[in-house]
């Protein structure tokens, strides 16, 4: 860890984490994917412009099929967990 003077002389700490078990795995994955991303930057930029100019632009815009697939899987998993506890959750309402 190193410190440097930030705004108003308040120290800003810089952490360097080289743990192969955590950040190291992510860094290795990113190095492996570099230059092999499936999303075309020019097409992604066009999609972003189109979304921003829409009458009702999206709050989030996943770019590419992998992003869509990941988000759909995550939402599906969350909905499944929500349904698992649906009955118990409903018991917290005031009695009618």
C-alpha atoms as a PDB file:
ATOM      1  CA  UNK A   1       0.000   0.000   0.000  1.00  0.00           C
ATOM      2  CA  UNK A   2       1.253   3.439  -0.873  1.00  0.00           C
ATOM      3  CA  UNK A   3      -0.128   6.862  -0.045  1.00  0.00           C
ATOM      4  CA  UNK A   4      -0.098  10.056  -2.056  1.00  0.00           C
ATOM      5  CA  UNK A   5      -1.539  13.508  -1.448  1.00  0.00           C
ATOM      6  CA  UNK A   6      -5.045  13.839  -2.776  1.00  0.00           C
ATOM      7  CA  UNK A   7      -7.403  16.804  -2.829  1.00  0.00           C
ATOM      8  CA  UNK A   8      -6.668  19.206   0.047  1.00  0.00           C
ATOM      9  CA  UNK A   9      -3.640  17.142   1.013  1.00  0.00           C
ATOM     10  CA  UNK A  10      -5.788  14.252   2.254  1.00  0.00           C
ATOM     11  CA  UNK A  11      -3.851  11.048   1.646  1.00  0.00           C
ATOM     12  CA  UNK A  12      -5.146   8.728  -1.054  1.00  0.00           C
ATOM     13  CA  UNK A  13      -4.194   5.110  -0.580  1.00  0.00           C
ATOM     14  CA  UNK A  14      -3.377   2.907  -3.522  1.00  0.00           C
ATOM     15  CA  UNK A  15      -3.669  -0.824  -2.978  1.00  0.00           C
ATOM     16  CA  UNK A  16      -1.931  -3.348  -5.148  1.00  0.00           C
ATOM     17  CA  UNK A  17      -3.456  -6.762  -4.819  1.00  0.00           C
ATOM     18  CA  UNK A  18      -1.652  -9.578  -6.567  1.00  0.00           C
ATOM     19  CA  UNK A  19      -3.450 -12.494  -4.998  1.00  0.00           C
ATOM     20  CA  UNK A  20      -3.698 -15.246  -7.615  1.00  0.00           C
ATOM     21  CA  UNK A  21      -6.674 -16.651  -5.709  1.00  0.00           C
ATOM     22  CA  UNK A  22      -8.818 -13.544  -6.201  1.00  0.00           C
ATOM     23  CA  UNK A  23      -7.879 -10.565  -8.318  1.00  0.00           C
ATOM     24  CA  UNK A  24      -5.199 -12.566 -10.085  1.00  0.00           C
ATOM     25  CA  UNK A  25      -7.836 -14.845 -11.628  1.00  0.00           C
ATOM     26  CA  UNK A  26      -9.764 -11.885 -12.985  1.00  0.00           C
ATOM     27  CA  UNK A  27      -6.638 -10.262 -14.382  1.00  0.00           C
ATOM     28  CA  UNK A  28      -5.632 -13.516 -16.077  1.00  0.00           C
ATOM     29  CA  UNK A  29      -9.115 -13.909 -17.578  1.00  0.00           C
ATOM     30  CA  UNK A  30      -9.084 -10.336 -18.898  1.00  0.00           C
ATOM     31  CA  UNK A  31      -5.639 -10.831 -20.441  1.00  0.00           C
ATOM     32  CA  UNK A  32      -6.886 -14.019 -22.126  1.00  0.00           C
ATOM     33  CA  UNK A  33      -9.990 -12.267 -23.514  1.00  0.00           C
ATOM     34  CA  UNK A  34      -8.152  -9.160 -24.701  1.00  0.00           C
ATOM     35  CA  UNK A  35      -8.723  -8.745 -28.413  1.00  0.00           C
ATOM     36  CA  UNK A  36     -11.200 -11.646 -28.511  1.00  0.00           C
ATOM     37  CA  UNK A  37     -14.300  -9.841 -27.250  1.00  0.00           C
ATOM     38  CA  UNK A  38     -17.424 -10.829 -29.187  1.00  0.00           C
ATOM     39  CA  UNK A  39     -18.855  -7.298 -29.188  1.00  0.00           C
ATOM     40  CA  UNK A  40     -17.920  -5.017 -32.086  1.00  0.00           C
ATOM     41  CA  UNK A  41     -17.100  -1.591 -30.554  1.00  0.00           C
ATOM     42  CA  UNK A  42     -18.480   0.302 -33.583  1.00  0.00           C
ATOM     43  CA  UNK A  43     -21.763  -1.608 -33.497  1.00  0.00           C
ATOM     44  CA  UNK A  44     -21.964  -1.192 -29.721  1.00  0.00           C
ATOM     45  CA  UNK A  45     -21.499   2.574 -30.124  1.00  0.00           C
ATOM     46  CA  UNK A  46     -24.329   2.678 -32.679  1.00  0.00           C
ATOM     47  CA  UNK A  47     -26.582   0.740 -30.312  1.00  0.00           C
ATOM     48  CA  UNK A  48     -25.773   3.148 -27.465  1.00  0.00           C
ATOM     49  CA  UNK A  49     -26.533   6.200 -29.615  1.00  0.00           C
ATOM     50  CA  UNK A  50     -29.820   4.656 -30.760  1.00  0.00           C
ATOM     51  CA  UNK A  51     -30.793   3.863 -27.164  1.00  0.00           C
ATOM     52  CA  UNK A  52     -29.883   7.340 -25.897  1.00  0.00           C
ATOM     53  CA  UNK A  53     -31.896   8.985 -28.663  1.00  0.00           C
ATOM     54  CA  UNK A  54     -34.980   6.818 -28.012  1.00  0.00           C
ATOM     55  CA  UNK A  55     -38.137   8.420 -26.614  1.00  0.00           C
ATOM     56  CA  UNK A  56     -37.792   6.191 -23.551  1.00  0.00           C
ATOM     57  CA  UNK A  57     -34.099   5.212 -23.276  1.00  0.00           C
ATOM     58  CA  UNK A  58     -33.332   2.127 -21.206  1.00  0.00           C
ATOM     59  CA  UNK A  59     -31.816   2.463 -17.764  1.00  0.00           C
ATOM     60  CA  UNK A  60     -29.508  -0.453 -18.632  1.00  0.00           C
ATOM     61  CA  UNK A  61     -28.401  -1.638 -22.065  1.00  0.00           C
ATOM     62  CA  UNK A  62     -26.608  -4.969 -22.171  1.00  0.00           C
ATOM     63  CA  UNK A  63     -24.434  -5.113 -25.264  1.00  0.00           C
ATOM     64  CA  UNK A  64     -24.007  -8.450 -27.001  1.00  0.00           C
ATOM     65  CA  UNK A  65     -25.495 -11.891 -26.686  1.00  0.00           C
ATOM     66  CA  UNK A  66     -23.233 -12.912 -23.791  1.00  0.00           C
ATOM     67  CA  UNK A  67     -24.382  -9.956 -21.687  1.00  0.00           C
ATOM     68  CA  UNK A  68     -28.017 -10.707 -22.480  1.00  0.00           C
ATOM     69  CA  UNK A  69     -27.584 -14.387 -21.646  1.00  0.00           C
ATOM     70  CA  UNK A  70     -25.817 -13.634 -18.371  1.00  0.00           C
ATOM     71  CA  UNK A  71     -28.484 -11.157 -17.241  1.00  0.00           C
ATOM     72  CA  UNK A  72     -31.370 -13.430 -18.267  1.00  0.00           C
ATOM     73  CA  UNK A  73     -29.817 -16.327 -16.332  1.00  0.00           C
ATOM     74  CA  UNK A  74     -29.271 -14.134 -13.278  1.00  0.00           C
ATOM     75  CA  UNK A  75     -32.862 -12.855 -13.337  1.00  0.00           C
ATOM     76  CA  UNK A  76     -34.202 -16.373 -13.830  1.00  0.00           C
ATOM     77  CA  UNK A  77     -32.192 -17.565 -10.821  1.00  0.00           C
ATOM     78  CA  UNK A  78     -33.452 -14.676  -8.694  1.00  0.00           C
ATOM     79  CA  UNK A  79     -37.066 -15.274  -9.720  1.00  0.00           C
ATOM     80  CA  UNK A  80     -36.712 -18.921  -8.765  1.00  0.00           C
ATOM     81  CA  UNK A  81     -35.428 -17.974  -5.321  1.00  0.00           C
ATOM     82  CA  UNK A  82     -38.214 -15.416  -4.934  1.00  0.00           C
ATOM     83  CA  UNK A  83     -40.823 -18.050  -5.769  1.00  0.00           C
ATOM     84  CA  UNK A  84     -39.299 -20.464  -3.259  1.00  0.00           C
ATOM     85  CA  UNK A  85     -40.046 -18.042  -0.415  1.00  0.00           C
ATOM     86  CA  UNK A  86     -43.233 -16.528  -1.847  1.00  0.00           C
ATOM     87  CA  UNK A  87     -45.686 -18.017   0.661  1.00  0.00           C
ATOM     88  CA  UNK A  88     -43.579 -17.192   3.696  1.00  0.00           C
ATOM     89  CA  UNK A  89     -42.968 -13.655   2.452  1.00  0.00           C
ATOM     90  CA  UNK A  90     -46.707 -13.040   2.097  1.00  0.00           C
ATOM     91  CA  UNK A  91     -47.304 -13.947   5.764  1.00  0.00           C
ATOM     92  CA  UNK A  92     -45.691 -10.660   6.852  1.00  0.00           C
ATOM     93  CA  UNK A  93     -48.647  -8.573   5.600  1.00  0.00           C
ATOM     94  CA  UNK A  94     -51.188  -7.173   8.061  1.00  0.00           C
ATOM     95  CA  UNK A  95     -54.115  -9.522   8.594  1.00  0.00           C
ATOM     96  CA  UNK A  96     -57.120  -8.477   6.522  1.00  0.00           C
END
